[in-house]
Protein backbone atom coordinates (compact mmCIF):
# COMPACT_ATOMS: atom_id res chain seq x y z
CA MET A 1 0.40 0.03 -0.29
CA THR A 2 1.57 3.37 -1.47
CA GLU A 3 1.11 6.52 1.09
CA SER A 4 -1.47 8.11 -1.33
CA GLU A 5 -3.48 5.07 -0.66
CA SER A 6 -3.41 5.40 3.03
CA GLU A 7 -4.20 8.85 3.06
CA GLN A 8 -7.12 8.30 0.56
CA ILE A 9 -8.21 5.98 3.12
CA LYS A 10 -7.78 8.36 5.91
CA GLU A 11 -9.72 11.12 4.67
CA GLN A 12 -12.60 8.70 3.54
CA PHE A 13 -13.14 7.85 7.20
CA ARG A 14 -12.09 11.57 8.36
CA ALA A 15 -15.80 12.18 5.84
CA ALA A 16 -17.35 9.09 7.17
CA LEU A 17 -16.87 9.97 10.88
CA GLU A 18 -18.01 13.95 10.07
CA ARG A 19 -21.06 12.40 8.23
CA LYS A 20 -21.89 9.96 11.30
CA ASN A 21 -21.38 13.16 13.86
CA HIS A 22 -23.38 15.20 12.24
CA GLN A 23 -26.37 13.15 12.10
CA HIS A 24 -26.11 12.48 15.99
CA SER A 25 -26.01 16.54 16.66
CA ILE A 26 -29.37 16.48 14.19
CA HIS A 27 -31.28 14.10 15.68
CA GLY A 28 -29.93 14.87 19.19
CA ASN A 29 -31.19 18.56 19.67
CA ALA A 30 -34.06 19.52 21.99
CA PRO A 31 -35.10 22.65 22.88
CA ALA A 32 -33.51 24.24 25.95
CA GLY A 33 -34.76 23.18 29.72
CA ASP A 34 -37.01 20.29 28.04
CA SER A 35 -36.22 16.93 29.12
CA LYS A 36 -37.20 14.12 27.10
CA VAL A 37 -38.49 12.05 30.25
CA HIS A 38 -41.82 13.36 31.08
CA HIS A 39 -43.93 11.66 33.80
CA ALA A 40 -41.45 9.37 34.83
CA HIS A 41 -43.48 8.46 38.38
CA GLY A 42 -47.28 8.08 39.34
CA PRO A 43 -49.49 10.57 41.34
CA ALA A 44 -47.90 11.19 44.48
CA ASP A 45 -51.43 11.68 46.12
CA HIS A 46 -50.54 9.60 49.16
CA LYS A 47 -47.71 9.68 51.64
CA ARG A 48 -46.19 6.68 52.22
CA GLU A 49 -46.82 4.44 55.26
CA PHE A 50 -43.75 2.97 57.52
CA ARG A 51 -44.69 0.67 60.31
CA ARG A 52 -42.57 -0.83 62.94
CA LYS A 53 -42.04 -4.28 63.56
CA SER A 54 -43.69 -5.88 66.24
CA GLY A 55 -41.90 -9.08 67.59
């Protein structure tokens, strides 16, 4: 393999990596302050009760 072939392969890998990173940045953008997680827990309408074991 000559030096020009290895440089060409390196350039192809760089271009592929750049395309990959660009794709991730497009899909990963969320508006500021907005979370992907909504309503992670059920309603907290009751207080949890703890009882001491007898015996």
